[in-house]
Amino acid sequence: MTSTQLIIFDCDGVLIDSEIVVCRLVSEELSRLGYGMNTEEVIRRFAGRPEREMVADIEADWGQKIPAEFFARVKERTEAAYASELCAVPGVAEALDNLRVPLCVASSSYPEKLRLGLHSVDLLERFEPHVISAYVVAHGKPAPDVFIYTAGWMRTPVAHCLVIEDSTHGVHAARSAGMRVFGFTGGQHCGPDHREHLMQAGAELVFDNFRHLADLVAAEV
């Protein structure tokens, strides 16, 4: 077992409880356009992946372009929801205080949305400037690009990086990058079978409460 020299957090569904919020809005706006997809299906297919890849998949399946109004409405509604209902995942701030290694964020969200989410729950200053979006790399999760880029940014060998992920796409990405990965199921979007999905994807272990993270890291180094 290699020692942990860097912890890389996914953002949505790990640091901020946003997956259930954004996936609901995406589902509602797609349905309004006539492309029916419920919230659970949006979570299953697209949680943890960049928006550009979600769009490409939907357009290929639908056989037509998603109109510009969709993106404007999702952006507007997301900003309103972040201001009114977004919360940090319980216990995150205390967990960050108890970790004794460098920390950073690597997310599939586009940069402005990523920073807005973290700022909305008073977490941005804990990570800046080490807040990295998959939009700086060629391929989003489940490709390993964003995690490899992040390790380089933080000047840490991939074998000494530990990723905290809530999505199977993110777990696959971390494993493909040669990193250890813990699955997290504490977000509201995680159903009763989510733990098993993360384990099947390759998570080393799965936890659902941040009060356990420091002990898990200490036990696994």
C-alpha atoms as a PDB file:
ATOM      1  CA  MET A   1       0.000   0.000   0.000  1.00  0.00           C
ATOM      2  CA  THR A   2       1.501   3.341  -1.035  1.00  0.00           C
ATOM      3  CA  SER A   3       1.285   6.376   1.214  1.00  0.00           C
ATOM      4  CA  THR A   4      -1.257   9.080   0.477  1.00  0.00           C
ATOM      5  CA  GLN A   5       0.413  12.364  -0.438  1.00  0.00           C
ATOM      6  CA  LEU A   6      -2.599  14.044  -2.049  1.00  0.00           C
ATOM      7  CA  ILE A   7      -6.374  13.704  -1.746  1.00  0.00           C
ATOM      8  CA  ILE A   8      -8.378  14.649  -4.831  1.00  0.00           C
ATOM      9  CA  PHE A   9     -12.059  15.351  -4.229  1.00  0.00           C
ATOM     10  CA  ASP A  10     -14.741  15.222  -6.836  1.00  0.00           C
ATOM     11  CA  CYS A  11     -17.131  18.126  -6.229  1.00  0.00           C
ATOM     12  CA  ASP A  12     -20.755  17.405  -7.142  1.00  0.00           C
ATOM     13  CA  GLY A  13     -22.194  14.778  -4.837  1.00  0.00           C
ATOM     14  CA  VAL A  14     -19.035  14.655  -2.731  1.00  0.00           C
ATOM     15  CA  LEU A  15     -18.308  18.151  -1.413  1.00  0.00           C
ATOM     16  CA  ILE A  16     -21.613  19.746  -2.373  1.00  0.00           C
ATOM     17  CA  ASP A  17     -24.969  17.950  -2.439  1.00  0.00           C
ATOM     18  CA  SER A  18     -25.713  19.155  -5.952  1.00  0.00           C
ATOM     19  CA  GLU A  19     -26.224  16.056  -8.091  1.00  0.00           C
ATOM     20  CA  ILE A  20     -29.831  15.602  -7.016  1.00  0.00           C
ATOM     21  CA  VAL A  21     -30.518  19.304  -7.676  1.00  0.00           C
ATOM     22  CA  VAL A  22     -28.878  19.629 -11.091  1.00  0.00           C
ATOM     23  CA  CYS A  23     -30.024  16.247 -12.396  1.00  0.00           C
ATOM     24  CA  ARG A  24     -33.603  17.138 -11.472  1.00  0.00           C
ATOM     25  CA  LEU A  25     -33.359  20.418 -13.391  1.00  0.00           C
ATOM     26  CA  VAL A  26     -31.814  18.699 -16.417  1.00  0.00           C
ATOM     27  CA  SER A  27     -34.578  16.089 -16.384  1.00  0.00           C
ATOM     28  CA  GLU A  28     -37.284  18.749 -16.204  1.00  0.00           C
ATOM     29  CA  GLU A  29     -35.811  20.835 -19.013  1.00  0.00           C
ATOM     30  CA  LEU A  30     -35.248  17.846 -21.293  1.00  0.00           C
ATOM     31  CA  SER A  31     -38.816  16.710 -20.698  1.00  0.00           C
ATOM     32  CA  ARG A  32     -40.056  20.203 -21.526  1.00  0.00           C
ATOM     33  CA  LEU A  33     -38.312  19.858 -24.900  1.00  0.00           C
ATOM     34  CA  GLY A  34     -39.907  16.476 -25.541  1.00  0.00           C
ATOM     35  CA  TYR A  35     -36.960  14.241 -24.639  1.00  0.00           C
ATOM     36  CA  GLY A  36     -38.240  12.337 -21.631  1.00  0.00           C
ATOM     37  CA  MET A  37     -35.678  11.284 -19.049  1.00  0.00           C
ATOM     38  CA  ASN A  38     -36.425  11.115 -15.332  1.00  0.00           C
ATOM     39  CA  THR A  39     -34.042  12.297 -12.622  1.00  0.00           C
ATOM     40  CA  GLU A  40     -32.859   8.791 -11.763  1.00  0.00           C
ATOM     41  CA  GLU A  41     -31.896   8.104 -15.372  1.00  0.00           C
ATOM     42  CA  VAL A  42     -30.015  11.395 -15.644  1.00  0.00           C
ATOM     43  CA  ILE A  43     -28.083  10.444 -12.501  1.00  0.00           C
ATOM     44  CA  ARG A  44     -27.349   6.942 -13.774  1.00  0.00           C
ATOM     45  CA  ARG A  45     -26.210   7.998 -17.238  1.00  0.00           C
ATOM     46  CA  PHE A  46     -24.544  11.326 -16.679  1.00  0.00           C
ATOM     47  CA  ALA A  47     -23.552  11.945 -13.052  1.00  0.00           C
ATOM     48  CA  GLY A  48     -19.823  12.552 -12.950  1.00  0.00           C
ATOM     49  CA  ARG A  49     -19.484  13.305 -16.677  1.00  0.00           C
ATOM     50  CA  PRO A  50     -18.928  16.691 -18.338  1.00  0.00           C
ATOM     51  CA  GLU A  51     -21.972  18.443 -19.763  1.00  0.00           C
ATOM     52  CA  ARG A  52     -20.459  18.434 -23.262  1.00  0.00           C
ATOM     53  CA  GLU A  53     -20.412  14.621 -23.249  1.00  0.00           C
ATOM     54  CA  MET A  54     -23.957  14.413 -21.918  1.00  0.00           C
ATOM     55  CA  VAL A  55     -25.061  16.707 -24.732  1.00  0.00           C
ATOM     56  CA  ALA A  56     -23.269  14.624 -27.369  1.00  0.00           C
ATOM     57  CA  ASP A  57     -24.910  11.422 -26.115  1.00  0.00           C
ATOM     58  CA  ILE A  58     -28.394  12.917 -26.001  1.00  0.00           C
ATOM     59  CA  GLU A  59     -28.106  14.503 -29.438  1.00  0.00           C
ATOM     60  CA  ALA A  60     -26.879  11.240 -30.940  1.00  0.00           C
ATOM     61  CA  ASP A  61     -29.781   9.348 -29.346  1.00  0.00           C
ATOM     62  CA  TRP A  62     -32.406  12.024 -30.091  1.00  0.00           C
ATOM     63  CA  GLY A  63     -31.238  12.679 -33.635  1.00  0.00           C
ATOM     64  CA  GLN A  64     -31.340  16.450 -33.290  1.00  0.00           C
ATOM     65  CA  LYS A  65     -29.527  19.338 -31.631  1.00  0.00           C
ATOM     66  CA  ILE A  66     -30.465  20.460 -28.161  1.00  0.00           C
ATOM     67  CA  PRO A  67     -31.643  24.059 -28.564  1.00  0.00           C
ATOM     68  CA  ALA A  68     -29.707  26.925 -26.987  1.00  0.00           C
ATOM     69  CA  GLU A  69     -32.642  27.758 -24.729  1.00  0.00           C
ATOM     70  CA  PHE A  70     -32.037  24.502 -22.824  1.00  0.00           C
ATOM     71  CA  PHE A  71     -28.577  25.591 -21.706  1.00  0.00           C
ATOM     72  CA  ALA A  72     -29.732  29.092 -20.782  1.00  0.00           C
ATOM     73  CA  ARG A  73     -32.632  27.741 -18.697  1.00  0.00           C
ATOM     74  CA  VAL A  74     -30.519  25.098 -16.931  1.00  0.00           C
ATOM     75  CA  LYS A  75     -27.843  27.701 -16.150  1.00  0.00           C
ATOM     76  CA  GLU A  76     -30.395  30.190 -14.825  1.00  0.00           C
ATOM     77  CA  ARG A  77     -32.228  27.610 -12.744  1.00  0.00           C
ATOM     78  CA  THR A  78     -28.970  26.112 -11.427  1.00  0.00           C
ATOM     79  CA  GLU A  79     -27.742  29.505 -10.247  1.00  0.00           C
ATOM     80  CA  ALA A  80     -31.079  30.120  -8.516  1.00  0.00           C
ATOM     81  CA  ALA A  81     -31.018  26.672  -6.882  1.00  0.00           C
ATOM     82  CA  TYR A  82     -27.431  27.114  -5.723  1.00  0.00           C
ATOM     83  CA  ALA A  83     -28.421  30.376  -4.054  1.00  0.00           C
ATOM     84  CA  SER A  84     -31.544  28.972  -2.391  1.00  0.00           C
ATOM     85  CA  GLU A  85     -31.137  25.277  -1.660  1.00  0.00           C
ATOM     86  CA  LEU A  86     -27.574  24.053  -2.188  1.00  0.00           C
ATOM     87  CA  CYS A  87     -25.796  22.653   0.877  1.00  0.00           C
ATOM     88  CA  ALA A  88     -22.389  21.234   1.574  1.00  0.00           C
ATOM     89  CA  VAL A  89     -22.424  17.504   2.201  1.00  0.00           C
ATOM     90  CA  PRO A  90     -22.719  17.084   5.991  1.00  0.00           C
ATOM     91  CA  GLY A  91     -19.402  16.850   7.814  1.00  0.00           C
ATOM     92  CA  VAL A  92     -17.229  18.049   4.923  1.00  0.00           C
ATOM     93  CA  ALA A  93     -15.744  21.101   6.665  1.00  0.00           C
ATOM     94  CA  GLU A  94     -14.796  19.126   9.763  1.00  0.00           C
ATOM     95  CA  ALA A  95     -13.307  16.331   7.640  1.00  0.00           C
ATOM     96  CA  LEU A  96     -11.135  18.806   5.735  1.00  0.00           C
ATOM     97  CA  ASP A  97      -9.891  20.233   9.029  1.00  0.00           C
ATOM     98  CA  ASN A  98      -8.791  16.762  10.147  1.00  0.00           C
ATOM     99  CA  LEU A  99      -6.843  15.769   7.035  1.00  0.00           C
ATOM    100  CA  ARG A 100      -3.087  16.254   7.119  1.00  0.00           C
ATOM    101  CA  VAL A 101      -2.160  15.982   3.445  1.00  0.00           C
ATOM    102  CA  PRO A 102      -2.606  18.433   0.529  1.00  0.00           C
ATOM    103  CA  LEU A 103      -6.121  18.614  -0.909  1.00  0.00           C
ATOM    104  CA  CYS A 104      -7.570  19.627  -4.267  1.00  0.00           C
ATOM    105  CA  VAL A 105     -10.698  19.309  -6.409  1.00  0.00           C
ATOM    106  CA  ALA A 106     -11.051  17.657  -9.836  1.00  0.00           C
ATOM    107  CA  SER A 107     -14.555  17.914 -11.241  1.00  0.00           C
ATOM    108  CA  SER A 108     -16.476  17.338 -14.459  1.00  0.00           C
ATOM    109  CA  SER A 109     -18.300  20.656 -14.009  1.00  0.00           C
ATOM    110  CA  TYR A 110     -17.351  23.575 -16.203  1.00  0.00           C
ATOM    111  CA  PRO A 111     -15.123  26.072 -14.321  1.00  0.00           C
ATOM    112  CA  GLU A 112     -17.706  28.765 -13.544  1.00  0.00           C
ATOM    113  CA  LYS A 113     -20.275  26.286 -12.217  1.00  0.00           C
ATOM    114  CA  LEU A 114     -17.611  24.463 -10.214  1.00  0.00           C
ATOM    115  CA  ARG A 115     -16.448  27.615  -8.448  1.00  0.00           C
ATOM    116  CA  LEU A 116     -20.002  28.871  -7.969  1.00  0.00           C
ATOM    117  CA  GLY A 117     -20.994  25.662  -6.219  1.00  0.00           C
ATOM    118  CA  LEU A 118     -18.013  25.682  -3.883  1.00  0.00           C
ATOM    119  CA  HIS A 119     -18.410  29.395  -3.187  1.00  0.00           C
ATOM    120  CA  SER A 120     -22.110  28.969  -2.417  1.00  0.00           C
ATOM    121  CA  VAL A 121     -21.308  26.664   0.510  1.00  0.00           C
ATOM    122  CA  ASP A 122     -18.148  28.493   1.675  1.00  0.00           C
ATOM    123  CA  LEU A 123     -15.709  25.822   0.500  1.00  0.00           C
ATOM    124  CA  LEU A 124     -13.964  27.578  -2.386  1.00  0.00           C
ATOM    125  CA  GLU A 125     -11.289  29.284  -0.278  1.00  0.00           C
ATOM    126  CA  ARG A 126     -10.331  25.941   1.257  1.00  0.00           C
ATOM    127  CA  PHE A 127      -9.175  24.681  -2.138  1.00  0.00           C
ATOM    128  CA  GLU A 128      -8.217  27.656  -4.317  1.00  0.00           C
ATOM    129  CA  PRO A 129      -6.215  27.748  -6.521  1.00  0.00           C
ATOM    130  CA  HIS A 130      -6.292  23.952  -6.740  1.00  0.00           C
ATOM    131  CA  VAL A 131      -9.772  23.647  -8.288  1.00  0.00           C
ATOM    132  CA  ILE A 132      -9.542  21.820 -11.617  1.00  0.00           C
ATOM    133  CA  SER A 133     -12.239  21.297 -14.211  1.00  0.00           C
ATOM    134  CA  ALA A 134     -12.283  18.488 -16.755  1.00  0.00           C
ATOM    135  CA  TYR A 135     -12.873  21.171 -19.375  1.00  0.00           C
ATOM    136  CA  VAL A 136      -9.089  21.761 -19.457  1.00  0.00           C
ATOM    137  CA  VAL A 137      -8.477  18.233 -20.806  1.00  0.00           C
ATOM    138  CA  ALA A 138      -9.491  16.426 -23.974  1.00  0.00           C
ATOM    139  CA  HIS A 139     -11.668  13.721 -22.436  1.00  0.00           C
ATOM    140  CA  GLY A 140     -13.835  13.756 -19.335  1.00  0.00           C
ATOM    141  CA  LYS A 141     -14.513  10.952 -16.887  1.00  0.00           C
ATOM    142  CA  PRO A 142     -14.497   7.939 -17.220  1.00  0.00           C
ATOM    143  CA  ALA A 143     -11.277   8.743 -19.106  1.00  0.00           C
ATOM    144  CA  PRO A 144      -8.379   9.356 -16.692  1.00  0.00           C
ATOM    145  CA  ASP A 145      -7.302  12.691 -18.210  1.00  0.00           C
ATOM    146  CA  VAL A 146      -8.495  15.082 -15.504  1.00  0.00           C
ATOM    147  CA  PHE A 147      -6.936  13.045 -12.704  1.00  0.00           C
ATOM    148  CA  ILE A 148      -3.609  12.683 -14.486  1.00  0.00           C
ATOM    149  CA  TYR A 149      -3.636  16.429 -15.187  1.00  0.00           C
ATOM    150  CA  THR A 150      -4.444  17.115 -11.519  1.00  0.00           C
ATOM    151  CA  ALA A 151      -1.582  14.958 -10.279  1.00  0.00           C
ATOM    152  CA  GLY A 152       0.764  16.886 -12.544  1.00  0.00           C
ATOM    153  CA  TRP A 153      -0.677  20.213 -11.391  1.00  0.00           C
ATOM    154  CA  MET A 154      -0.096  19.179  -7.770  1.00  0.00           C
ATOM    155  CA  ARG A 155       3.307  17.601  -8.579  1.00  0.00           C
ATOM    156  CA  THR A 156       2.343  14.306  -6.984  1.00  0.00           C
ATOM    157  CA  PRO A 157       2.959  10.805  -8.412  1.00  0.00           C
ATOM    158  CA  VAL A 158      -0.308   9.145  -9.408  1.00  0.00           C
ATOM    159  CA  ALA A 159       0.414   6.170  -7.156  1.00  0.00           C
ATOM    160  CA  HIS A 160       0.363   8.501  -4.137  1.00  0.00           C
ATOM    161  CA  CYS A 161      -2.980  10.122  -4.991  1.00  0.00           C
ATOM    162  CA  LEU A 162      -6.258   9.152  -3.334  1.00  0.00           C
ATOM    163  CA  VAL A 163      -9.512  10.124  -5.062  1.00  0.00           C
ATOM    164  CA  ILE A 164     -12.883  10.552  -3.340  1.00  0.00           C
ATOM    165  CA  GLU A 165     -15.671   9.869  -5.857  1.00  0.00           C
ATOM    166  CA  ASP A 166     -19.425   9.352  -5.824  1.00  0.00           C
ATOM    167  CA  SER A 167     -19.896   8.208  -9.446  1.00  0.00           C
ATOM    168  CA  THR A 168     -18.960   5.030 -11.260  1.00  0.00           C
ATOM    169  CA  HIS A 169     -17.562   7.183 -14.081  1.00  0.00           C
ATOM    170  CA  GLY A 170     -15.258   8.890 -11.605  1.00  0.00           C
ATOM    171  CA  VAL A 171     -14.162   5.611 -10.030  1.00  0.00           C
ATOM    172  CA  HIS A 172     -13.284   4.217 -13.455  1.00  0.00           C
ATOM    173  CA  ALA A 173     -11.350   7.408 -14.249  1.00  0.00           C
ATOM    174  CA  ALA A 174      -9.325   7.246 -11.046  1.00  0.00           C
ATOM    175  CA  ARG A 175      -8.494   3.584 -11.480  1.00  0.00           C
ATOM    176  CA  SER A 176      -7.498   4.160 -15.112  1.00  0.00           C
ATOM    177  CA  ALA A 177      -5.190   6.952 -13.908  1.00  0.00           C
ATOM    178  CA  GLY A 178      -3.427   4.513 -11.578  1.00  0.00           C
ATOM    179  CA  MET A 179      -4.828   6.088  -8.418  1.00  0.00           C
ATOM    180  CA  ARG A 180      -6.496   4.690  -5.335  1.00  0.00           C
ATOM    181  CA  VAL A 181     -10.146   5.642  -4.972  1.00  0.00           C
ATOM    182  CA  PHE A 182     -12.677   5.634  -2.138  1.00  0.00           C
ATOM    183  CA  GLY A 183     -16.344   5.653  -3.085  1.00  0.00           C
ATOM    184  CA  PHE A 184     -18.734   8.017  -1.314  1.00  0.00           C
ATOM    185  CA  THR A 185     -22.485   7.462  -0.929  1.00  0.00           C
ATOM    186  CA  GLY A 186     -23.490  10.312   1.385  1.00  0.00           C
ATOM    187  CA  GLY A 187     -25.212  12.456  -1.257  1.00  0.00           C
ATOM    188  CA  GLN A 188     -28.988  12.594  -1.593  1.00  0.00           C
ATOM    189  CA  HIS A 189     -28.783  11.116  -5.093  1.00  0.00           C
ATOM    190  CA  CYS A 190     -27.281   7.829  -3.877  1.00  0.00           C
ATOM    191  CA  GLY A 191     -29.765   4.972  -3.800  1.00  0.00           C
ATOM    192  CA  PRO A 192     -29.498   1.743  -1.782  1.00  0.00           C
ATOM    193  CA  ASP A 193     -27.586  -0.038  -4.553  1.00  0.00           C
ATOM    194  CA  HIS A 194     -25.077   2.757  -5.136  1.00  0.00           C
ATOM    195  CA  ARG A 195     -22.456   1.268  -2.826  1.00  0.00           C
ATOM    196  CA  GLU A 196     -22.399  -1.967  -4.818  1.00  0.00           C
ATOM    197  CA  HIS A 197     -22.097  -0.070  -8.103  1.00  0.00           C
ATOM    198  CA  LEU A 198     -19.061   1.832  -6.810  1.00  0.00           C
ATOM    199  CA  MET A 199     -17.425  -1.343  -5.533  1.00  0.00           C
ATOM    200  CA  GLN A 200     -18.026  -3.087  -8.863  1.00  0.00           C
ATOM    201  CA  ALA A 201     -16.469  -0.096 -10.643  1.00  0.00           C
ATOM    202  CA  GLY A 202     -13.292  -0.584  -8.620  1.00  0.00           C
ATOM    203  CA  ALA A 203     -13.553   1.492  -5.452  1.00  0.00           C
ATOM    204  CA  GLU A 204     -11.180   0.300  -2.747  1.00  0.00           C
ATOM    205  CA  LEU A 205     -13.853   0.915  -0.129  1.00  0.00           C
ATOM    206  CA  VAL A 206     -17.082   2.893   0.175  1.00  0.00           C
ATOM    207  CA  PHE A 207     -18.137   5.214   3.002  1.00  0.00           C
ATOM    208  CA  ASP A 208     -21.212   7.375   3.576  1.00  0.00           C
ATOM    209  CA  ASN A 209     -20.187   9.773   6.355  1.00  0.00           C
ATOM    210  CA  PHE A 210     -17.311  12.225   6.283  1.00  0.00           C
ATOM    211  CA  ARG A 211     -16.601  11.832   9.974  1.00  0.00           C
ATOM    212  CA  HIS A 212     -14.938   8.525   9.047  1.00  0.00           C
ATOM    213  CA  LEU A 213     -12.645   9.863   6.308  1.00  0.00           C
ATOM    214  CA  ALA A 214      -9.604  10.876   8.360  1.00  0.00           C
ATOM    215  CA  ASP A 215      -9.537   7.474  10.082  1.00  0.00           C
ATOM    216  CA  LEU A 216      -9.950   5.667   6.753  1.00  0.00           C
ATOM    217  CA  VAL A 217      -7.058   7.600   5.236  1.00  0.00           C
ATOM    218  CA  ALA A 218      -4.865   6.969   8.268  1.00  0.00           C
ATOM    219  CA  ALA A 219      -5.691   3.255   8.226  1.00  0.00           C
ATOM    220  CA  GLU A 220      -4.916   2.851   4.515  1.00  0.00           C
ATOM    221  CA  VAL A 221      -1.602   4.727   4.225  1.00  0.00           C
END
